[in-house]
Structures are given as C-alpha cells and as structure tokens.
Amino acid sequence: MRRRAFVIVGAGAVSIACAGCLDDGNDAADESETETTDDSPPFEIQTLDAPGSEAGTITIPRAGQVMLINFTRTDCPTSRGLLPAIDDARAELEAAETDVEVVSLFDDSSGPSNSPAELADWWDEHDGNWTVGIDERGVLNDYYDVRSFPTLVAIDGDGEVHWRNEGGTTASNIVSGVERTLEAQASAAGDEETNGDDNEGTDDESMDNGAEDGDEEPANDGEGAADESQD
C-alpha cells in the first residue's frame, strides 16, 4: 500500500489518562494484500447507522473539505476517553460555523471483530454523535501510518495532514489543529485563484499587444509615398 508523507505541526498537545493502545495488526497479512491491491486515494469508507451517522459510504479525502479523522478502537480505554473531547471540539467548531467534517473510524482488519450492529451499540453507549465508519481493510490506517490508538489527523481537501495527535489530547488542542488546517486550505484556495487571475492577465496583455501591433500601418505609409510620387 502506498503511504502518504504527512506534515506534523506541533501543537503542544496535552495527553489524557493513558498513553494509548498499540496496533496489534498482522503485518504479514498486510504484505500479502499489498501484492494484489493498489490502494490509493480517494477512499470509499463504509459508514454506520448510528447516532449522528447514516449507513452508506463516505469519500476520504474530498476536494475542498477539511476533515478531522479519529482512528479509534472499542477495546482501548484511551480511545473511549477521547470521545468527549472530540465532541466538545466539534460543538465549538460548529458554533463558529466552520466547514469541518468529523469522522471516527474503526479498523476492521485487526483488533476486535465487531459487527456493524455491535459497533453502533458501542457508539451509542459512549455518546458518539457524528459520522462513524469502518475501515474494512485498514487502508486509511496504512495510508496515514496509524500504529497506535487513538490517533487524530486533520486533513485538507487533498488529504494532506496539517495536524496530528497520538494518544489523546484536549478539545482546545483539537480546535487549534483544525483551525490551522482550515487556514492552510483557505491559503491554498487563494493561491489557486491568484494564479488563475495572473494567467488571465497574461492572455489579456497578449491580446492588447496584438491590437497595438495592428494599429501600426506601415502599408499605409508606403501608399502615401506612392501617392506623393505620382503627384
């Protein structure tokens, strides 16, 4: 599987309760799958029928959309303990009318094996209230090099990581990381618009130069000279 190089922006993250849970996935199985599967973004992820979430699919990344992705585990106490902080951060971002999509993902390729109904019950039990899905083959885990849980990443519309946390943090740090990603997304969009305007200006100048060249009438000067000679 192809891995994306990511940018880690330090945010002075404060850890909560415990350090997190290490991935116990089967690397040999991953290597075998790599031989037959070319996983590259965007990824289609199954979503669950659960509080704040609808059954279907979601595309990650999605052009123009900032996302906060929470890689989580049902058997990890730190993963469970982080959910309230994510909910508080989500509420603060919504109050500020920011365009951010929050997604929690279960890796179904390793760790506990739970049915969608069991995961939905777990989600309800722990007061989750936003989009939640299943990374069935762990492709996003591999793409974003997730090796411990919980892991949070804030990505722009191209899937680039502008903030990352492993092992838990606070709502305020989550909000700061997402805001940094929103700023990066807005800056990139502004650069594209500026470049487009510059290209249009170049085309206009070329047309203006063509018109100026057309205003020069050397042939008329020649005709005038000929008329004087006939006189």
C-alpha atoms as a PDB file:
ATOM      1  CA  MET A   1       0.000   0.000   0.000  1.00  0.00           C
ATOM      2  CA  ARG A   2       1.264   3.477  -0.818  1.00  0.00           C
ATOM      3  CA  ARG A   3       1.929   5.700   2.157  1.00  0.00           C
ATOM      4  CA  ARG A   4       1.441   9.467   2.073  1.00  0.00           C
ATOM      5  CA  ALA A   5       4.174  11.625   3.587  1.00  0.00           C
ATOM      6  CA  PHE A   6       2.488  13.850   6.116  1.00  0.00           C
ATOM      7  CA  VAL A   7       3.255  17.191   7.750  1.00  0.00           C
ATOM      8  CA  ILE A   8       3.209  17.166  11.558  1.00  0.00           C
ATOM      9  CA  VAL A   9       2.602  20.570  13.112  1.00  0.00           C
ATOM     10  CA  GLY A  10       3.400  20.709  16.811  1.00  0.00           C
ATOM     11  CA  ALA A  11       0.536  21.916  18.928  1.00  0.00           C
ATOM     12  CA  GLY A  12       1.824  21.285  22.430  1.00  0.00           C
ATOM     13  CA  ALA A  13      -0.743  18.529  22.821  1.00  0.00           C
ATOM     14  CA  VAL A  14      -1.655  17.512  26.343  1.00  0.00           C
ATOM     15  CA  SER A  15      -2.145  13.780  26.857  1.00  0.00           C
ATOM     16  CA  ILE A  16      -5.116  12.402  28.734  1.00  0.00           C
ATOM     17  CA  ALA A  17      -5.378   9.478  31.158  1.00  0.00           C
ATOM     18  CA  CYS A  18      -3.107   6.875  29.492  1.00  0.00           C
ATOM     19  CA  ALA A  19      -0.699   6.745  26.598  1.00  0.00           C
ATOM     20  CA  GLY A  20      -2.849   4.919  24.084  1.00  0.00           C
ATOM     21  CA  CYS A  21      -3.078   1.423  22.646  1.00  0.00           C
ATOM     22  CA  LEU A  22      -0.608  -0.059  20.193  1.00  0.00           C
ATOM     23  CA  ASP A  23      -1.748  -1.660  16.956  1.00  0.00           C
ATOM     24  CA  ASP A  24      -1.592  -5.453  17.098  1.00  0.00           C
ATOM     25  CA  GLY A  25      -2.305  -5.952  13.397  1.00  0.00           C
ATOM     26  CA  ASN A  26      -0.829  -8.740  11.284  1.00  0.00           C
ATOM     27  CA  ASP A  27       1.931  -7.192   9.138  1.00  0.00           C
ATOM     28  CA  ALA A  28       2.321 -10.407   7.145  1.00  0.00           C
ATOM     29  CA  ALA A  29      -1.312 -10.233   6.085  1.00  0.00           C
ATOM     30  CA  ASP A  30      -0.832  -6.615   5.072  1.00  0.00           C
ATOM     31  CA  GLU A  31       2.177  -7.509   2.920  1.00  0.00           C
ATOM     32  CA  SER A  32       0.222 -10.299   1.206  1.00  0.00           C
ATOM     33  CA  GLU A  33      -2.635  -7.928   0.469  1.00  0.00           C
ATOM     34  CA  THR A  34      -0.213  -5.349  -0.934  1.00  0.00           C
ATOM     35  CA  GLU A  35       0.789  -7.781  -3.668  1.00  0.00           C
ATOM     36  CA  THR A  36      -2.723  -7.883  -5.114  1.00  0.00           C
ATOM     37  CA  THR A  37      -4.240  -4.499  -4.176  1.00  0.00           C
ATOM     38  CA  ASP A  38      -3.250  -0.987  -5.204  1.00  0.00           C
ATOM     39  CA  ASP A  39      -4.828   1.258  -2.598  1.00  0.00           C
ATOM     40  CA  SER A  40      -4.678   4.954  -3.376  1.00  0.00           C
ATOM     41  CA  PRO A  41      -6.928   7.887  -2.507  1.00  0.00           C
ATOM     42  CA  PRO A  42      -9.675   8.819  -2.540  1.00  0.00           C
ATOM     43  CA  PHE A  43     -11.015   6.007  -0.362  1.00  0.00           C
ATOM     44  CA  GLU A  44     -14.642   4.894  -0.061  1.00  0.00           C
ATOM     45  CA  ILE A  45     -15.373   4.068   3.577  1.00  0.00           C
ATOM     46  CA  GLN A  46     -18.494   2.310   4.864  1.00  0.00           C
ATOM     47  CA  THR A  47     -20.462   4.376   7.392  1.00  0.00           C
ATOM     48  CA  LEU A  48     -22.745   3.029  10.095  1.00  0.00           C
ATOM     49  CA  ASP A  49     -26.353   3.586  11.049  1.00  0.00           C
ATOM     50  CA  ALA A  50     -25.623   5.034  14.498  1.00  0.00           C
ATOM     51  CA  PRO A  51     -26.243   8.257  16.474  1.00  0.00           C
ATOM     52  CA  GLY A  52     -25.125  11.199  14.311  1.00  0.00           C
ATOM     53  CA  SER A  53     -24.255   8.840  11.436  1.00  0.00           C
ATOM     54  CA  GLU A  54     -26.064   7.315   8.461  1.00  0.00           C
ATOM     55  CA  ALA A  55     -25.486   3.982   6.749  1.00  0.00           C
ATOM     56  CA  GLY A  56     -23.756   4.417   3.402  1.00  0.00           C
ATOM     57  CA  THR A  57     -20.284   5.489   2.312  1.00  0.00           C
ATOM     58  CA  ILE A  58     -18.043   8.498   2.694  1.00  0.00           C
ATOM     59  CA  THR A  59     -15.151   9.614   0.474  1.00  0.00           C
ATOM     60  CA  ILE A  60     -11.826  10.441   2.157  1.00  0.00           C
ATOM     61  CA  PRO A  61     -10.324  12.825   1.217  1.00  0.00           C
ATOM     62  CA  ARG A  62     -12.875  15.023  -0.526  1.00  0.00           C
ATOM     63  CA  ALA A  63     -11.887  18.066  -2.600  1.00  0.00           C
ATOM     64  CA  GLY A  64     -12.291  21.333  -0.724  1.00  0.00           C
ATOM     65  CA  GLN A  65     -13.339  19.618   2.526  1.00  0.00           C
ATOM     66  CA  VAL A  66     -11.370  19.771   5.774  1.00  0.00           C
ATOM     67  CA  MET A  67     -11.797  16.613   7.846  1.00  0.00           C
ATOM     68  CA  LEU A  68     -10.932  15.609  11.391  1.00  0.00           C
ATOM     69  CA  ILE A  69     -10.424  11.831  11.411  1.00  0.00           C
ATOM     70  CA  ASN A  70     -10.382   9.847  14.653  1.00  0.00           C
ATOM     71  CA  PHE A  71      -8.868   6.358  14.396  1.00  0.00           C
ATOM     72  CA  THR A  72     -10.358   4.516  17.354  1.00  0.00           C
ATOM     73  CA  ARG A  73     -10.725   1.085  18.976  1.00  0.00           C
ATOM     74  CA  THR A  74     -13.517  -0.402  21.080  1.00  0.00           C
ATOM     75  CA  ASP A  75     -11.059  -2.199  23.369  1.00  0.00           C
ATOM     76  CA  CYS A  76      -8.844   0.850  24.024  1.00  0.00           C
ATOM     77  CA  PRO A  77      -9.617   2.876  27.191  1.00  0.00           C
ATOM     78  CA  THR A  78      -7.831   5.943  25.782  1.00  0.00           C
ATOM     79  CA  SER A  79      -9.931   5.784  22.632  1.00  0.00           C
ATOM     80  CA  ARG A  80     -13.078   5.782  24.735  1.00  0.00           C
ATOM     81  CA  GLY A  81     -11.752   8.575  26.942  1.00  0.00           C
ATOM     82  CA  LEU A  82     -11.021  10.834  23.960  1.00  0.00           C
ATOM     83  CA  LEU A  83     -14.578  10.835  22.577  1.00  0.00           C
ATOM     84  CA  PRO A  84     -15.894  13.572  24.927  1.00  0.00           C
ATOM     85  CA  ALA A  85     -13.023  15.889  23.933  1.00  0.00           C
ATOM     86  CA  ILE A  86     -13.781  15.312  20.248  1.00  0.00           C
ATOM     87  CA  ASP A  87     -17.463  16.039  20.899  1.00  0.00           C
ATOM     88  CA  ASP A  88     -16.623  19.286  22.719  1.00  0.00           C
ATOM     89  CA  ALA A  89     -14.282  20.341  19.900  1.00  0.00           C
ATOM     90  CA  ARG A  90     -16.919  19.501  17.300  1.00  0.00           C
ATOM     91  CA  ALA A  91     -19.510  21.603  19.145  1.00  0.00           C
ATOM     92  CA  GLU A  92     -17.091  24.550  19.317  1.00  0.00           C
ATOM     93  CA  LEU A  93     -16.273  24.302  15.612  1.00  0.00           C
ATOM     94  CA  GLU A  94     -19.963  24.104  14.727  1.00  0.00           C
ATOM     95  CA  ALA A  95     -20.688  27.180  16.860  1.00  0.00           C
ATOM     96  CA  ALA A  96     -18.001  29.034  14.915  1.00  0.00           C
ATOM     97  CA  GLU A  97     -19.717  27.914  11.662  1.00  0.00           C
ATOM     98  CA  THR A  98     -16.587  26.241  10.320  1.00  0.00           C
ATOM     99  CA  ASP A  99     -16.867  23.775   7.445  1.00  0.00           C
ATOM    100  CA  VAL A 100     -15.334  20.686   9.031  1.00  0.00           C
ATOM    101  CA  GLU A 101     -16.427  17.065   8.835  1.00  0.00           C
ATOM    102  CA  VAL A 102     -15.646  14.894  11.856  1.00  0.00           C
ATOM    103  CA  VAL A 103     -15.285  11.153  11.258  1.00  0.00           C
ATOM    104  CA  SER A 104     -14.403   8.316  13.638  1.00  0.00           C
ATOM    105  CA  LEU A 105     -13.142   5.085  12.081  1.00  0.00           C
ATOM    106  CA  PHE A 106     -12.871   1.524  13.331  1.00  0.00           C
ATOM    107  CA  ASP A 107     -10.143  -0.612  11.724  1.00  0.00           C
ATOM    108  CA  ASP A 108     -11.818  -3.906  10.875  1.00  0.00           C
ATOM    109  CA  SER A 109      -8.623  -5.515   9.556  1.00  0.00           C
ATOM    110  CA  SER A 110      -7.169  -6.196  13.025  1.00  0.00           C
ATOM    111  CA  GLY A 111      -8.070  -5.946  16.686  1.00  0.00           C
ATOM    112  CA  PRO A 112     -11.585  -6.716  17.955  1.00  0.00           C
ATOM    113  CA  SER A 113     -14.009  -8.153  15.418  1.00  0.00           C
ATOM    114  CA  ASN A 114     -17.395  -6.460  15.832  1.00  0.00           C
ATOM    115  CA  SER A 115     -20.463  -6.452  13.618  1.00  0.00           C
ATOM    116  CA  PRO A 116     -21.839  -3.098  12.415  1.00  0.00           C
ATOM    117  CA  ALA A 117     -24.710  -3.505  14.888  1.00  0.00           C
ATOM    118  CA  GLU A 118     -22.284  -4.103  17.773  1.00  0.00           C
ATOM    119  CA  LEU A 119     -20.226  -1.066  16.775  1.00  0.00           C
ATOM    120  CA  ALA A 120     -23.381   1.062  16.581  1.00  0.00           C
ATOM    121  CA  ASP A 121     -24.342  -0.076  20.100  1.00  0.00           C
ATOM    122  CA  TRP A 122     -20.852   0.749  21.378  1.00  0.00           C
ATOM    123  CA  TRP A 123     -21.080   4.164  19.698  1.00  0.00           C
ATOM    124  CA  ASP A 124     -24.428   4.857  21.338  1.00  0.00           C
ATOM    125  CA  GLU A 125     -23.198   3.648  24.722  1.00  0.00           C
ATOM    126  CA  HIS A 126     -20.267   6.084  24.604  1.00  0.00           C
ATOM    127  CA  ASP A 127     -22.346   9.066  23.418  1.00  0.00           C
ATOM    128  CA  GLY A 128     -20.869   9.325  19.927  1.00  0.00           C
ATOM    129  CA  ASN A 129     -22.891  11.724  17.794  1.00  0.00           C
ATOM    130  CA  TRP A 130     -21.097  12.247  14.477  1.00  0.00           C
ATOM    131  CA  THR A 131     -20.178  10.196  11.402  1.00  0.00           C
ATOM    132  CA  VAL A 132     -18.655   6.824  12.249  1.00  0.00           C
ATOM    133  CA  GLY A 133     -17.395   4.206   9.806  1.00  0.00           C
ATOM    134  CA  ILE A 134     -15.424   1.009   9.278  1.00  0.00           C
ATOM    135  CA  ASP A 135     -12.035   0.933   7.526  1.00  0.00           C
ATOM    136  CA  GLU A 136     -12.614  -2.658   6.389  1.00  0.00           C
ATOM    137  CA  ARG A 137      -9.108  -3.394   5.113  1.00  0.00           C
ATOM    138  CA  GLY A 138      -7.197  -0.829   7.153  1.00  0.00           C
ATOM    139  CA  VAL A 139      -6.234   1.173   4.054  1.00  0.00           C
ATOM    140  CA  LEU A 140      -6.532   4.534   5.800  1.00  0.00           C
ATOM    141  CA  ASN A 141      -4.591   3.222   8.787  1.00  0.00           C
ATOM    142  CA  ASP A 142      -1.770   2.303   6.456  1.00  0.00           C
ATOM    143  CA  TYR A 143      -2.010   5.463   4.357  1.00  0.00           C
ATOM    144  CA  TYR A 144      -1.728   7.691   7.427  1.00  0.00           C
ATOM    145  CA  ASP A 145       0.708   5.367   9.220  1.00  0.00           C
ATOM    146  CA  VAL A 146      -1.566   4.764  12.221  1.00  0.00           C
ATOM    147  CA  ARG A 147       0.223   2.492  14.673  1.00  0.00           C
ATOM    148  CA  SER A 148      -1.457   3.409  17.968  1.00  0.00           C
ATOM    149  CA  PHE A 149      -4.935   4.332  19.138  1.00  0.00           C
ATOM    150  CA  PRO A 150      -6.456   6.791  19.350  1.00  0.00           C
ATOM    151  CA  THR A 151      -4.879   8.813  16.542  1.00  0.00           C
ATOM    152  CA  LEU A 152      -6.317  12.101  15.295  1.00  0.00           C
ATOM    153  CA  VAL A 153      -5.442  13.743  11.981  1.00  0.00           C
ATOM    154  CA  ALA A 154      -6.778  16.963  10.486  1.00  0.00           C
ATOM    155  CA  ILE A 155      -6.546  16.837   6.684  1.00  0.00           C
ATOM    156  CA  ASP A 156      -7.260  19.266   3.863  1.00  0.00           C
ATOM    157  CA  GLY A 157      -9.160  18.513   0.667  1.00  0.00           C
ATOM    158  CA  ASP A 158      -6.075  16.878  -0.876  1.00  0.00           C
ATOM    159  CA  GLY A 159      -5.661  14.543   2.072  1.00  0.00           C
ATOM    160  CA  GLU A 160      -2.542  16.285   3.425  1.00  0.00           C
ATOM    161  CA  VAL A 161      -2.140  16.205   7.211  1.00  0.00           C
ATOM    162  CA  HIS A 162      -1.696  19.594   8.889  1.00  0.00           C
ATOM    163  CA  TRP A 163      -2.167  18.416  12.480  1.00  0.00           C
ATOM    164  CA  ARG A 164      -1.733  15.059  14.160  1.00  0.00           C
ATOM    165  CA  ASN A 165      -2.074  13.678  17.678  1.00  0.00           C
ATOM    166  CA  GLU A 166      -1.476  10.200  19.073  1.00  0.00           C
ATOM    167  CA  GLY A 167      -2.612   9.015  22.489  1.00  0.00           C
ATOM    168  CA  GLY A 168      -5.181  11.673  23.368  1.00  0.00           C
ATOM    169  CA  THR A 169      -5.417  15.435  23.786  1.00  0.00           C
ATOM    170  CA  THR A 170      -7.800  18.210  24.828  1.00  0.00           C
ATOM    171  CA  ALA A 171     -10.713  19.823  22.997  1.00  0.00           C
ATOM    172  CA  SER A 172      -8.855  23.144  22.740  1.00  0.00           C
ATOM    173  CA  ASN A 173      -5.866  21.486  21.066  1.00  0.00           C
ATOM    174  CA  ILE A 174      -8.178  19.715  18.628  1.00  0.00           C
ATOM    175  CA  VAL A 175      -9.843  23.021  17.723  1.00  0.00           C
ATOM    176  CA  SER A 176      -6.453  24.699  17.226  1.00  0.00           C
ATOM    177  CA  GLY A 177      -5.287  21.877  14.960  1.00  0.00           C
ATOM    178  CA  VAL A 178      -8.437  22.015  12.849  1.00  0.00           C
ATOM    179  CA  GLU A 179      -8.261  25.819  12.583  1.00  0.00           C
ATOM    180  CA  ARG A 180      -4.681  25.523  11.348  1.00  0.00           C
ATOM    181  CA  THR A 181      -5.872  23.097   8.686  1.00  0.00           C
ATOM    182  CA  LEU A 182      -8.697  25.429   7.666  1.00  0.00           C
ATOM    183  CA  GLU A 183      -6.178  28.250   7.261  1.00  0.00           C
ATOM    184  CA  ALA A 184      -3.953  26.061   5.098  1.00  0.00           C
ATOM    185  CA  GLN A 185      -6.931  25.055   2.950  1.00  0.00           C
ATOM    186  CA  ALA A 186      -8.025  28.693   2.523  1.00  0.00           C
ATOM    187  CA  SER A 187      -4.481  29.756   1.668  1.00  0.00           C
ATOM    188  CA  ALA A 188      -4.167  27.039  -0.988  1.00  0.00           C
ATOM    189  CA  ALA A 189      -7.510  28.034  -2.495  1.00  0.00           C
ATOM    190  CA  GLY A 190      -6.415  31.678  -2.553  1.00  0.00           C
ATOM    191  CA  ASP A 191      -3.157  30.790  -4.292  1.00  0.00           C
ATOM    192  CA  GLU A 192      -5.051  28.866  -6.986  1.00  0.00           C
ATOM    193  CA  GLU A 193      -7.374  31.815  -7.547  1.00  0.00           C
ATOM    194  CA  THR A 194      -4.445  34.239  -7.754  1.00  0.00           C
ATOM    195  CA  ASN A 195      -2.625  32.040 -10.241  1.00  0.00           C
ATOM    196  CA  GLY A 196      -5.756  31.830 -12.348  1.00  0.00           C
ATOM    197  CA  ASP A 197      -6.113  35.632 -12.343  1.00  0.00           C
ATOM    198  CA  ASP A 198      -2.449  36.026 -13.319  1.00  0.00           C
ATOM    199  CA  ASN A 199      -2.898  33.686 -16.271  1.00  0.00           C
ATOM    200  CA  GLU A 200      -5.950  35.613 -17.430  1.00  0.00           C
ATOM    201  CA  GLY A 201      -3.979  38.834 -17.203  1.00  0.00           C
ATOM    202  CA  THR A 202      -1.233  37.381 -19.372  1.00  0.00           C
ATOM    203  CA  ASP A 203      -3.770  36.438 -22.030  1.00  0.00           C
ATOM    204  CA  ASP A 204      -5.265  39.937 -21.948  1.00  0.00           C
ATOM    205  CA  GLU A 205      -1.826  41.507 -22.343  1.00  0.00           C
ATOM    206  CA  SER A 206      -1.149  39.290 -25.340  1.00  0.00           C
ATOM    207  CA  MET A 207      -4.378  40.428 -26.927  1.00  0.00           C
ATOM    208  CA  ASP A 208      -3.598  44.078 -26.181  1.00  0.00           C
ATOM    209  CA  ASN A 209      -0.155  43.734 -27.718  1.00  0.00           C
ATOM    210  CA  GLY A 210      -1.730  42.196 -30.784  1.00  0.00           C
ATOM    211  CA  ALA A 211      -4.112  45.143 -31.082  1.00  0.00           C
ATOM    212  CA  GLU A 212      -1.244  47.629 -30.731  1.00  0.00           C
ATOM    213  CA  ASP A 213       0.697  45.818 -33.414  1.00  0.00           C
ATOM    214  CA  GLY A 214      -2.349  46.018 -35.610  1.00  0.00           C
ATOM    215  CA  ASP A 215      -2.533  49.810 -35.093  1.00  0.00           C
ATOM    216  CA  GLU A 216       0.826  50.192 -36.803  1.00  0.00           C
ATOM    217  CA  GLU A 217       0.143  50.677 -40.527  1.00  0.00           C
ATOM    218  CA  PRO A 218       3.411  50.522 -42.459  1.00  0.00           C
ATOM    219  CA  ALA A 219       1.477  49.665 -45.626  1.00  0.00           C
ATOM    220  CA  ASN A 220      -0.412  52.961 -45.438  1.00  0.00           C
ATOM    221  CA  ASP A 221       2.860  54.863 -45.168  1.00  0.00           C
ATOM    222  CA  GLY A 222       4.015  53.173 -48.313  1.00  0.00           C
ATOM    223  CA  GLU A 223       0.818  54.061 -50.141  1.00  0.00           C
ATOM    224  CA  GLY A 224       1.210  57.655 -49.072  1.00  0.00           C
ATOM    225  CA  ALA A 225       4.710  57.774 -50.501  1.00  0.00           C
ATOM    226  CA  ALA A 226       3.474  56.350 -53.766  1.00  0.00           C
ATOM    227  CA  ASP A 227       0.727  58.986 -53.994  1.00  0.00           C
ATOM    228  CA  GLU A 228       3.263  61.802 -53.478  1.00  0.00           C
ATOM    229  CA  SER A 229       5.439  60.335 -56.226  1.00  0.00           C
ATOM    230  CA  GLN A 230       2.519  60.344 -58.668  1.00  0.00           C
ATOM    231  CA  ASP A 231       1.763  63.972 -57.803  1.00  0.00           C
END
